[in-house]
Amino acid sequence: MSSVLLRPTADAARALAHRVIGDLGNRWLHTAAVAARAAQLAAVVPAEDREILVASAWLHDIGYGELARVTGFHPLDGARLLDHHGWPARISRLVANHSGACFVAAVHGLEAEMAAYPDEASATSDALTYADQTVGSRGEPLGIDARIADMLHRHGPGSPNAAVAHLRTPHIRAIADRVRTRLGAAL
Protein backbone atom coordinates (compact mmCIF):
# COMPACT_ATOMS: atom_id res chain seq x y z
CA MET A 1 0.00 0.00 0.00
CA SER A 2 1.27 3.49 -0.76
CA SER A 3 1.74 6.10 1.87
CA VAL A 4 -1.32 7.91 3.14
CA LEU A 5 -2.09 11.15 1.33
CA LEU A 6 -2.83 13.73 3.97
CA ARG A 7 -3.48 16.50 1.45
CA PRO A 8 -4.66 15.12 -1.86
CA THR A 9 -4.16 17.23 -4.92
CA ALA A 10 -5.90 17.30 -8.24
CA ASP A 11 -2.54 16.60 -9.90
CA ALA A 12 -2.03 13.43 -7.83
CA ALA A 13 -5.60 12.39 -8.61
CA ARG A 14 -5.08 12.96 -12.32
CA ALA A 15 -1.89 10.89 -12.23
CA LEU A 16 -3.61 7.97 -10.50
CA ALA A 17 -6.63 8.17 -12.80
CA HIS A 18 -4.36 8.20 -15.84
CA ARG A 19 -2.51 5.14 -14.56
CA VAL A 20 -5.76 3.23 -13.95
CA ILE A 21 -8.06 4.35 -16.80
CA GLY A 22 -5.88 6.45 -19.10
CA ASP A 23 -6.02 3.76 -21.78
CA LEU A 24 -9.82 3.48 -21.77
CA GLY A 25 -10.48 5.93 -24.60
CA ASN A 26 -13.89 7.50 -24.14
CA ARG A 27 -13.84 6.79 -20.39
CA TRP A 28 -10.68 8.91 -20.13
CA LEU A 29 -12.21 11.68 -22.27
CA HIS A 30 -15.28 11.66 -20.01
CA THR A 31 -13.14 11.75 -16.87
CA ALA A 32 -10.98 14.65 -18.05
CA ALA A 33 -14.07 16.64 -19.04
CA VAL A 34 -15.75 15.92 -15.67
CA ALA A 35 -12.64 17.21 -13.89
CA ALA A 36 -12.68 20.36 -16.04
CA ARG A 37 -16.38 20.83 -15.31
CA ALA A 38 -15.73 20.35 -11.58
CA ALA A 39 -13.08 23.08 -11.71
CA GLN A 40 -15.68 25.39 -13.29
CA LEU A 41 -18.06 24.60 -10.41
CA ALA A 42 -15.51 25.37 -7.67
CA ALA A 43 -17.35 28.53 -6.61
CA VAL A 44 -20.32 26.48 -5.36
CA VAL A 45 -18.31 24.60 -2.72
CA PRO A 46 -16.46 25.88 0.34
CA ALA A 47 -12.95 27.10 -0.49
CA GLU A 48 -11.37 24.27 1.50
CA ASP A 49 -13.25 21.71 -0.64
CA ARG A 50 -12.27 22.96 -4.09
CA GLU A 51 -9.20 20.75 -4.47
CA ILE A 52 -11.18 17.81 -3.05
CA LEU A 53 -13.91 18.36 -5.64
CA VAL A 54 -11.52 18.38 -8.58
CA ALA A 55 -9.51 15.43 -7.21
CA SER A 56 -12.73 13.45 -6.74
CA ALA A 57 -13.79 14.30 -10.28
CA TRP A 58 -10.53 12.90 -11.65
CA LEU A 59 -11.06 9.74 -9.60
CA HIS A 60 -14.82 9.22 -9.89
CA ASP A 61 -14.61 6.50 -12.58
CA ILE A 62 -11.35 4.73 -11.70
CA GLY A 63 -13.40 1.70 -10.67
CA TYR A 64 -13.78 0.90 -14.37
CA GLY A 65 -10.07 0.14 -14.62
CA GLU A 66 -8.81 -3.43 -14.62
CA LEU A 67 -6.58 -2.62 -11.64
CA ALA A 68 -9.67 -1.69 -9.58
CA ARG A 69 -12.28 -4.17 -10.77
CA VAL A 70 -13.46 -6.56 -8.03
CA THR A 71 -17.26 -6.38 -7.75
CA GLY A 72 -17.88 -4.90 -11.20
CA PHE A 73 -19.65 -1.93 -9.60
CA HIS A 74 -17.33 0.94 -10.45
CA PRO A 75 -18.16 3.39 -7.62
CA LEU A 76 -17.42 0.77 -4.96
CA ASP A 77 -14.41 -0.68 -6.75
CA GLY A 78 -12.98 2.81 -7.21
CA ALA A 79 -13.48 3.71 -3.55
CA ARG A 80 -11.78 0.51 -2.46
CA LEU A 81 -8.83 1.17 -4.75
CA LEU A 82 -8.48 4.63 -3.24
CA ASP A 83 -8.54 3.12 0.25
CA HIS A 84 -5.82 0.68 -0.81
CA HIS A 85 -3.67 3.56 -2.06
CA GLY A 86 -4.12 5.61 1.13
CA TRP A 87 -6.39 8.34 -0.20
CA PRO A 88 -8.46 10.20 2.39
CA ALA A 89 -11.70 8.50 3.36
CA ARG A 90 -13.67 11.54 2.28
CA ILE A 91 -12.55 11.20 -1.32
CA SER A 92 -13.31 7.48 -1.24
CA ARG A 93 -16.82 8.30 0.01
CA LEU A 94 -17.37 10.92 -2.70
CA VAL A 95 -16.30 8.44 -5.38
CA ALA A 96 -18.43 5.64 -3.90
CA ASN A 97 -21.55 7.80 -3.86
CA HIS A 98 -21.29 9.88 -7.02
CA SER A 99 -24.32 10.18 -9.26
CA GLY A 100 -26.78 8.31 -7.07
CA ALA A 101 -24.68 5.14 -6.87
CA CYS A 102 -26.61 3.97 -3.80
CA PHE A 103 -29.67 3.24 -5.94
CA VAL A 104 -27.75 1.02 -8.35
CA ALA A 105 -25.81 -0.62 -5.51
CA ALA A 106 -29.09 -1.88 -4.06
CA VAL A 107 -29.91 -3.71 -7.30
CA HIS A 108 -26.47 -5.33 -7.18
CA GLY A 109 -27.01 -6.37 -3.55
CA LEU A 110 -24.07 -4.25 -2.40
CA GLU A 111 -25.77 -2.21 0.33
CA ALA A 112 -23.62 -3.72 3.10
CA GLU A 113 -20.41 -2.95 1.22
CA MET A 114 -21.58 0.58 0.43
CA ALA A 115 -22.37 1.18 4.11
CA ALA A 116 -18.62 1.60 4.64
CA TYR A 117 -18.91 4.77 2.52
CA PRO A 118 -21.69 6.97 3.91
CA ASP A 119 -22.90 9.69 1.56
CA GLU A 120 -22.12 13.15 2.90
CA ALA A 121 -24.91 14.86 0.90
CA SER A 122 -23.03 18.15 0.70
CA ALA A 123 -22.42 20.96 -1.76
CA THR A 124 -19.25 19.11 -2.74
CA SER A 125 -20.96 15.79 -3.42
CA ASP A 126 -23.67 17.64 -5.33
CA ALA A 127 -21.07 19.42 -7.47
CA LEU A 128 -19.32 16.12 -8.25
CA THR A 129 -22.57 14.52 -9.37
CA TYR A 130 -23.54 17.61 -11.38
CA ALA A 131 -20.15 17.60 -13.12
CA ASP A 132 -20.54 13.90 -13.97
CA GLN A 133 -24.12 14.29 -15.12
CA THR A 134 -23.42 17.25 -17.43
CA VAL A 135 -20.66 15.50 -19.40
CA GLY A 136 -21.40 12.77 -21.91
CA SER A 137 -19.66 9.45 -22.31
CA ARG A 138 -17.18 10.91 -24.83
CA GLY A 139 -16.48 14.09 -22.88
CA GLU A 140 -19.07 16.24 -24.63
CA PRO A 141 -21.25 18.71 -22.67
CA LEU A 142 -24.80 17.42 -22.10
CA GLY A 143 -27.86 18.54 -20.20
CA ILE A 144 -29.00 16.41 -17.27
CA ASP A 145 -31.91 14.76 -19.09
CA ALA A 146 -29.80 14.05 -22.19
CA ARG A 147 -27.08 12.49 -20.02
CA ILE A 148 -29.59 10.28 -18.21
CA ALA A 149 -31.14 9.21 -21.53
CA ASP A 150 -27.68 8.47 -22.96
CA MET A 151 -26.74 6.37 -19.93
CA LEU A 152 -29.99 4.40 -20.07
CA HIS A 153 -29.51 3.80 -23.79
CA ARG A 154 -25.91 2.60 -23.31
CA HIS A 155 -26.77 0.29 -20.39
CA GLY A 156 -30.04 -0.98 -21.85
CA PRO A 157 -33.61 -1.42 -20.61
CA GLY A 158 -32.83 -4.51 -18.52
CA SER A 159 -29.88 -2.96 -16.71
CA PRO A 160 -29.63 -2.14 -13.00
CA ASN A 161 -29.51 1.53 -14.02
CA ALA A 162 -32.85 1.19 -15.79
CA ALA A 163 -34.33 -0.71 -12.83
CA VAL A 164 -33.73 2.26 -10.52
CA ALA A 165 -34.20 5.12 -12.98
CA HIS A 166 -37.52 6.01 -11.31
CA LEU A 167 -35.58 6.70 -8.08
CA ARG A 168 -32.24 7.88 -9.38
CA THR A 169 -33.49 10.35 -11.99
CA PRO A 170 -35.41 12.57 -9.54
CA HIS A 171 -32.43 12.39 -7.16
CA ILE A 172 -30.06 13.62 -9.89
CA ARG A 173 -32.49 16.33 -11.01
CA ALA A 174 -32.79 17.58 -7.41
CA ILE A 175 -29.00 17.75 -7.17
CA ALA A 176 -28.88 19.69 -10.45
CA ASP A 177 -31.44 22.16 -9.11
CA ARG A 178 -29.39 22.70 -5.93
CA VAL A 179 -26.18 23.25 -7.89
CA ARG A 180 -27.86 25.68 -10.29
CA THR A 181 -29.23 27.60 -7.29
CA ARG A 182 -25.74 27.74 -5.76
CA LEU A 183 -24.29 28.85 -9.09
CA GLY A 184 -26.80 31.69 -9.24
CA ALA A 185 -25.90 32.74 -5.70
CA ALA A 186 -22.17 32.60 -6.51
CA LEU A 187 -22.44 35.07 -9.41
C-alpha atoms as a PDB file:
ATOM      1  CA  MET A   1       0.000   0.000   0.000  1.00  0.00           C
ATOM      2  CA  SER A   2       1.265   3.488  -0.764  1.00  0.00           C
ATOM      3  CA  SER A   3       1.737   6.100   1.872  1.00  0.00           C
ATOM      4  CA  VAL A   4      -1.317   7.910   3.140  1.00  0.00           C
ATOM      5  CA  LEU A   5      -2.093  11.149   1.327  1.00  0.00           C
ATOM      6  CA  LEU A   6      -2.827  13.734   3.969  1.00  0.00           C
ATOM      7  CA  ARG A   7      -3.478  16.498   1.453  1.00  0.00           C
ATOM      8  CA  PRO A   8      -4.662  15.117  -1.856  1.00  0.00           C
ATOM      9  CA  THR A   9      -4.162  17.231  -4.915  1.00  0.00           C
ATOM     10  CA  ALA A  10      -5.902  17.301  -8.240  1.00  0.00           C
ATOM     11  CA  ASP A  11      -2.538  16.597  -9.897  1.00  0.00           C
ATOM     12  CA  ALA A  12      -2.027  13.432  -7.829  1.00  0.00           C
ATOM     13  CA  ALA A  13      -5.603  12.388  -8.610  1.00  0.00           C
ATOM     14  CA  ARG A  14      -5.080  12.963 -12.317  1.00  0.00           C
ATOM     15  CA  ALA A  15      -1.889  10.894 -12.234  1.00  0.00           C
ATOM     16  CA  LEU A  16      -3.609   7.969 -10.497  1.00  0.00           C
ATOM     17  CA  ALA A  17      -6.626   8.172 -12.799  1.00  0.00           C
ATOM     18  CA  HIS A  18      -4.358   8.200 -15.837  1.00  0.00           C
ATOM     19  CA  ARG A  19      -2.512   5.137 -14.556  1.00  0.00           C
ATOM     20  CA  VAL A  20      -5.759   3.227 -13.951  1.00  0.00           C
ATOM     21  CA  ILE A  21      -8.061   4.350 -16.796  1.00  0.00           C
ATOM     22  CA  GLY A  22      -5.883   6.449 -19.097  1.00  0.00           C
ATOM     23  CA  ASP A  23      -6.023   3.761 -21.777  1.00  0.00           C
ATOM     24  CA  LEU A  24      -9.825   3.481 -21.766  1.00  0.00           C
ATOM     25  CA  GLY A  25     -10.475   5.933 -24.601  1.00  0.00           C
ATOM     26  CA  ASN A  26     -13.895   7.497 -24.140  1.00  0.00           C
ATOM     27  CA  ARG A  27     -13.835   6.787 -20.393  1.00  0.00           C
ATOM     28  CA  TRP A  28     -10.681   8.915 -20.129  1.00  0.00           C
ATOM     29  CA  LEU A  29     -12.209  11.682 -22.274  1.00  0.00           C
ATOM     30  CA  HIS A  30     -15.278  11.663 -20.014  1.00  0.00           C
ATOM     31  CA  THR A  31     -13.141  11.749 -16.866  1.00  0.00           C
ATOM     32  CA  ALA A  32     -10.980  14.651 -18.047  1.00  0.00           C
ATOM     33  CA  ALA A  33     -14.075  16.636 -19.037  1.00  0.00           C
ATOM     34  CA  VAL A  34     -15.750  15.919 -15.670  1.00  0.00           C
ATOM     35  CA  ALA A  35     -12.636  17.215 -13.893  1.00  0.00           C
ATOM     36  CA  ALA A  36     -12.683  20.363 -16.045  1.00  0.00           C
ATOM     37  CA  ARG A  37     -16.384  20.829 -15.308  1.00  0.00           C
ATOM     38  CA  ALA A  38     -15.733  20.352 -11.576  1.00  0.00           C
ATOM     39  CA  ALA A  39     -13.078  23.083 -11.712  1.00  0.00           C
ATOM     40  CA  GLN A  40     -15.679  25.391 -13.293  1.00  0.00           C
ATOM     41  CA  LEU A  41     -18.055  24.604 -10.413  1.00  0.00           C
ATOM     42  CA  ALA A  42     -15.514  25.367  -7.673  1.00  0.00           C
ATOM     43  CA  ALA A  43     -17.347  28.528  -6.611  1.00  0.00           C
ATOM     44  CA  VAL A  44     -20.317  26.478  -5.360  1.00  0.00           C
ATOM     45  CA  VAL A  45     -18.312  24.598  -2.722  1.00  0.00           C
ATOM     46  CA  PRO A  46     -16.460  25.878   0.343  1.00  0.00           C
ATOM     47  CA  ALA A  47     -12.949  27.105  -0.489  1.00  0.00           C
ATOM     48  CA  GLU A  48     -11.373  24.270   1.503  1.00  0.00           C
ATOM     49  CA  ASP A  49     -13.249  21.705  -0.645  1.00  0.00           C
ATOM     50  CA  ARG A  50     -12.275  22.959  -4.095  1.00  0.00           C
ATOM     51  CA  GLU A  51      -9.203  20.753  -4.471  1.00  0.00           C
ATOM     52  CA  ILE A  52     -11.181  17.807  -3.051  1.00  0.00           C
ATOM     53  CA  LEU A  53     -13.915  18.364  -5.637  1.00  0.00           C
ATOM     54  CA  VAL A  54     -11.520  18.378  -8.579  1.00  0.00           C
ATOM     55  CA  ALA A  55      -9.512  15.433  -7.213  1.00  0.00           C
ATOM     56  CA  SER A  56     -12.732  13.448  -6.741  1.00  0.00           C
ATOM     57  CA  ALA A  57     -13.788  14.295 -10.281  1.00  0.00           C
ATOM     58  CA  TRP A  58     -10.526  12.901 -11.649  1.00  0.00           C
ATOM     59  CA  LEU A  59     -11.060   9.741  -9.596  1.00  0.00           C
ATOM     60  CA  HIS A  60     -14.819   9.217  -9.894  1.00  0.00           C
ATOM     61  CA  ASP A  61     -14.609   6.498 -12.581  1.00  0.00           C
ATOM     62  CA  ILE A  62     -11.350   4.726 -11.696  1.00  0.00           C
ATOM     63  CA  GLY A  63     -13.398   1.697 -10.669  1.00  0.00           C
ATOM     64  CA  TYR A  64     -13.777   0.899 -14.374  1.00  0.00           C
ATOM     65  CA  GLY A  65     -10.068   0.136 -14.616  1.00  0.00           C
ATOM     66  CA  GLU A  66      -8.812  -3.431 -14.622  1.00  0.00           C
ATOM     67  CA  LEU A  67      -6.583  -2.624 -11.638  1.00  0.00           C
ATOM     68  CA  ALA A  68      -9.667  -1.690  -9.582  1.00  0.00           C
ATOM     69  CA  ARG A  69     -12.282  -4.173 -10.774  1.00  0.00           C
ATOM     70  CA  VAL A  70     -13.458  -6.558  -8.032  1.00  0.00           C
ATOM     71  CA  THR A  71     -17.260  -6.376  -7.750  1.00  0.00           C
ATOM     72  CA  GLY A  72     -17.879  -4.904 -11.204  1.00  0.00           C
ATOM     73  CA  PHE A  73     -19.651  -1.928  -9.601  1.00  0.00           C
ATOM     74  CA  HIS A  74     -17.326   0.937 -10.449  1.00  0.00           C
ATOM     75  CA  PRO A  75     -18.160   3.389  -7.623  1.00  0.00           C
ATOM     76  CA  LEU A  76     -17.423   0.770  -4.960  1.00  0.00           C
ATOM     77  CA  ASP A  77     -14.411  -0.681  -6.750  1.00  0.00           C
ATOM     78  CA  GLY A  78     -12.983   2.812  -7.210  1.00  0.00           C
ATOM     79  CA  ALA A  79     -13.480   3.712  -3.546  1.00  0.00           C
ATOM     80  CA  ARG A  80     -11.777   0.505  -2.458  1.00  0.00           C
ATOM     81  CA  LEU A  81      -8.827   1.165  -4.753  1.00  0.00           C
ATOM     82  CA  LEU A  82      -8.480   4.632  -3.237  1.00  0.00           C
ATOM     83  CA  ASP A  83      -8.539   3.117   0.251  1.00  0.00           C
ATOM     84  CA  HIS A  84      -5.824   0.683  -0.809  1.00  0.00           C
ATOM     85  CA  HIS A  85      -3.675   3.558  -2.057  1.00  0.00           C
ATOM     86  CA  GLY A  86      -4.118   5.607   1.127  1.00  0.00           C
ATOM     87  CA  TRP A  87      -6.391   8.337  -0.201  1.00  0.00           C
ATOM     88  CA  PRO A  88      -8.455  10.203   2.390  1.00  0.00           C
ATOM     89  CA  ALA A  89     -11.704   8.496   3.364  1.00  0.00           C
ATOM     90  CA  ARG A  90     -13.671  11.539   2.284  1.00  0.00           C
ATOM     91  CA  ILE A  91     -12.546  11.200  -1.324  1.00  0.00           C
ATOM     92  CA  SER A  92     -13.314   7.479  -1.240  1.00  0.00           C
ATOM     93  CA  ARG A  93     -16.822   8.304   0.008  1.00  0.00           C
ATOM     94  CA  LEU A  94     -17.369  10.920  -2.700  1.00  0.00           C
ATOM     95  CA  VAL A  95     -16.297   8.439  -5.379  1.00  0.00           C
ATOM     96  CA  ALA A  96     -18.433   5.644  -3.900  1.00  0.00           C
ATOM     97  CA  ASN A  97     -21.549   7.798  -3.861  1.00  0.00           C
ATOM     98  CA  HIS A  98     -21.286   9.876  -7.020  1.00  0.00           C
ATOM     99  CA  SER A  99     -24.322  10.184  -9.262  1.00  0.00           C
ATOM    100  CA  GLY A 100     -26.777   8.308  -7.065  1.00  0.00           C
ATOM    101  CA  ALA A 101     -24.680   5.139  -6.872  1.00  0.00           C
ATOM    102  CA  CYS A 102     -26.611   3.974  -3.798  1.00  0.00           C
ATOM    103  CA  PHE A 103     -29.666   3.236  -5.943  1.00  0.00           C
ATOM    104  CA  VAL A 104     -27.752   1.020  -8.354  1.00  0.00           C
ATOM    105  CA  ALA A 105     -25.806  -0.620  -5.509  1.00  0.00           C
ATOM    106  CA  ALA A 106     -29.095  -1.877  -4.062  1.00  0.00           C
ATOM    107  CA  VAL A 107     -29.906  -3.714  -7.300  1.00  0.00           C
ATOM    108  CA  HIS A 108     -26.467  -5.333  -7.181  1.00  0.00           C
ATOM    109  CA  GLY A 109     -27.008  -6.368  -3.548  1.00  0.00           C
ATOM    110  CA  LEU A 110     -24.066  -4.249  -2.397  1.00  0.00           C
ATOM    111  CA  GLU A 111     -25.771  -2.210   0.328  1.00  0.00           C
ATOM    112  CA  ALA A 112     -23.618  -3.717   3.096  1.00  0.00           C
ATOM    113  CA  GLU A 113     -20.408  -2.951   1.222  1.00  0.00           C
ATOM    114  CA  MET A 114     -21.578   0.579   0.425  1.00  0.00           C
ATOM    115  CA  ALA A 115     -22.373   1.179   4.115  1.00  0.00           C
ATOM    116  CA  ALA A 116     -18.625   1.599   4.637  1.00  0.00           C
ATOM    117  CA  TYR A 117     -18.906   4.771   2.525  1.00  0.00           C
ATOM    118  CA  PRO A 118     -21.692   6.968   3.909  1.00  0.00           C
ATOM    119  CA  ASP A 119     -22.904   9.689   1.562  1.00  0.00           C
ATOM    120  CA  GLU A 120     -22.122  13.146   2.895  1.00  0.00           C
ATOM    121  CA  ALA A 121     -24.908  14.858   0.902  1.00  0.00           C
ATOM    122  CA  SER A 122     -23.029  18.150   0.701  1.00  0.00           C
ATOM    123  CA  ALA A 123     -22.423  20.964  -1.759  1.00  0.00           C
ATOM    124  CA  THR A 124     -19.251  19.108  -2.738  1.00  0.00           C
ATOM    125  CA  SER A 125     -20.962  15.785  -3.416  1.00  0.00           C
ATOM    126  CA  ASP A 126     -23.671  17.645  -5.330  1.00  0.00           C
ATOM    127  CA  ALA A 127     -21.065  19.417  -7.473  1.00  0.00           C
ATOM    128  CA  LEU A 128     -19.315  16.117  -8.252  1.00  0.00           C
ATOM    129  CA  THR A 129     -22.574  14.517  -9.373  1.00  0.00           C
ATOM    130  CA  TYR A 130     -23.537  17.605 -11.382  1.00  0.00           C
ATOM    131  CA  ALA A 131     -20.149  17.597 -13.125  1.00  0.00           C
ATOM    132  CA  ASP A 132     -20.536  13.896 -13.968  1.00  0.00           C
ATOM    133  CA  GLN A 133     -24.123  14.286 -15.124  1.00  0.00           C
ATOM    134  CA  THR A 134     -23.420  17.250 -17.426  1.00  0.00           C
ATOM    135  CA  VAL A 135     -20.660  15.504 -19.402  1.00  0.00           C
ATOM    136  CA  GLY A 136     -21.404  12.774 -21.912  1.00  0.00           C
ATOM    137  CA  SER A 137     -19.664   9.450 -22.314  1.00  0.00           C
ATOM    138  CA  ARG A 138     -17.179  10.907 -24.830  1.00  0.00           C
ATOM    139  CA  GLY A 139     -16.479  14.093 -22.876  1.00  0.00           C
ATOM    140  CA  GLU A 140     -19.072  16.240 -24.628  1.00  0.00           C
ATOM    141  CA  PRO A 141     -21.254  18.705 -22.673  1.00  0.00           C
ATOM    142  CA  LEU A 142     -24.797  17.418 -22.098  1.00  0.00           C
ATOM    143  CA  GLY A 143     -27.859  18.539 -20.201  1.00  0.00           C
ATOM    144  CA  ILE A 144     -29.003  16.414 -17.271  1.00  0.00           C
ATOM    145  CA  ASP A 145     -31.907  14.759 -19.094  1.00  0.00           C
ATOM    146  CA  ALA A 146     -29.799  14.055 -22.195  1.00  0.00           C
ATOM    147  CA  ARG A 147     -27.081  12.494 -20.019  1.00  0.00           C
ATOM    148  CA  ILE A 148     -29.593  10.276 -18.212  1.00  0.00           C
ATOM    149  CA  ALA A 149     -31.142   9.210 -21.530  1.00  0.00           C
ATOM    150  CA  ASP A 150     -27.684   8.469 -22.963  1.00  0.00           C
ATOM    151  CA  MET A 151     -26.743   6.371 -19.928  1.00  0.00           C
ATOM    152  CA  LEU A 152     -29.988   4.396 -20.067  1.00  0.00           C
ATOM    153  CA  HIS A 153     -29.506   3.802 -23.786  1.00  0.00           C
ATOM    154  CA  ARG A 154     -25.909   2.600 -23.308  1.00  0.00           C
ATOM    155  CA  HIS A 155     -26.768   0.294 -20.394  1.00  0.00           C
ATOM    156  CA  GLY A 156     -30.039  -0.979 -21.851  1.00  0.00           C
ATOM    157  CA  PRO A 157     -33.612  -1.420 -20.611  1.00  0.00           C
ATOM    158  CA  GLY A 158     -32.832  -4.512 -18.524  1.00  0.00           C
ATOM    159  CA  SER A 159     -29.875  -2.959 -16.715  1.00  0.00           C
ATOM    160  CA  PRO A 160     -29.631  -2.142 -12.999  1.00  0.00           C
ATOM    161  CA  ASN A 161     -29.510   1.526 -14.021  1.00  0.00           C
ATOM    162  CA  ALA A 162     -32.850   1.189 -15.787  1.00  0.00           C
ATOM    163  CA  ALA A 163     -34.333  -0.706 -12.835  1.00  0.00           C
ATOM    164  CA  VAL A 164     -33.732   2.261 -10.518  1.00  0.00           C
ATOM    165  CA  ALA A 165     -34.202   5.116 -12.982  1.00  0.00           C
ATOM    166  CA  HIS A 166     -37.522   6.006 -11.313  1.00  0.00           C
ATOM    167  CA  LEU A 167     -35.581   6.696  -8.078  1.00  0.00           C
ATOM    168  CA  ARG A 168     -32.241   7.878  -9.376  1.00  0.00           C
ATOM    169  CA  THR A 169     -33.489  10.350 -11.989  1.00  0.00           C
ATOM    170  CA  PRO A 170     -35.415  12.572  -9.537  1.00  0.00           C
ATOM    171  CA  HIS A 171     -32.434  12.392  -7.162  1.00  0.00           C
ATOM    172  CA  ILE A 172     -30.057  13.617  -9.887  1.00  0.00           C
ATOM    173  CA  ARG A 173     -32.485  16.326 -11.011  1.00  0.00           C
ATOM    174  CA  ALA A 174     -32.789  17.582  -7.408  1.00  0.00           C
ATOM    175  CA  ILE A 175     -28.998  17.747  -7.169  1.00  0.00           C
ATOM    176  CA  ALA A 176     -28.880  19.687 -10.446  1.00  0.00           C
ATOM    177  CA  ASP A 177     -31.443  22.160  -9.108  1.00  0.00           C
ATOM    178  CA  ARG A 178     -29.392  22.699  -5.930  1.00  0.00           C
ATOM    179  CA  VAL A 179     -26.180  23.245  -7.893  1.00  0.00           C
ATOM    180  CA  ARG A 180     -27.859  25.682 -10.289  1.00  0.00           C
ATOM    181  CA  THR A 181     -29.233  27.599  -7.293  1.00  0.00           C
ATOM    182  CA  ARG A 182     -25.744  27.744  -5.759  1.00  0.00           C
ATOM    183  CA  LEU A 183     -24.294  28.854  -9.092  1.00  0.00           C
ATOM    184  CA  GLY A 184     -26.800  31.692  -9.238  1.00  0.00           C
ATOM    185  CA  ALA A 185     -25.901  32.741  -5.704  1.00  0.00           C
ATOM    186  CA  ALA A 186     -22.172  32.604  -6.510  1.00  0.00           C
ATOM    187  CA  LEU A 187     -22.445  35.067  -9.414  1.00  0.00           C
END
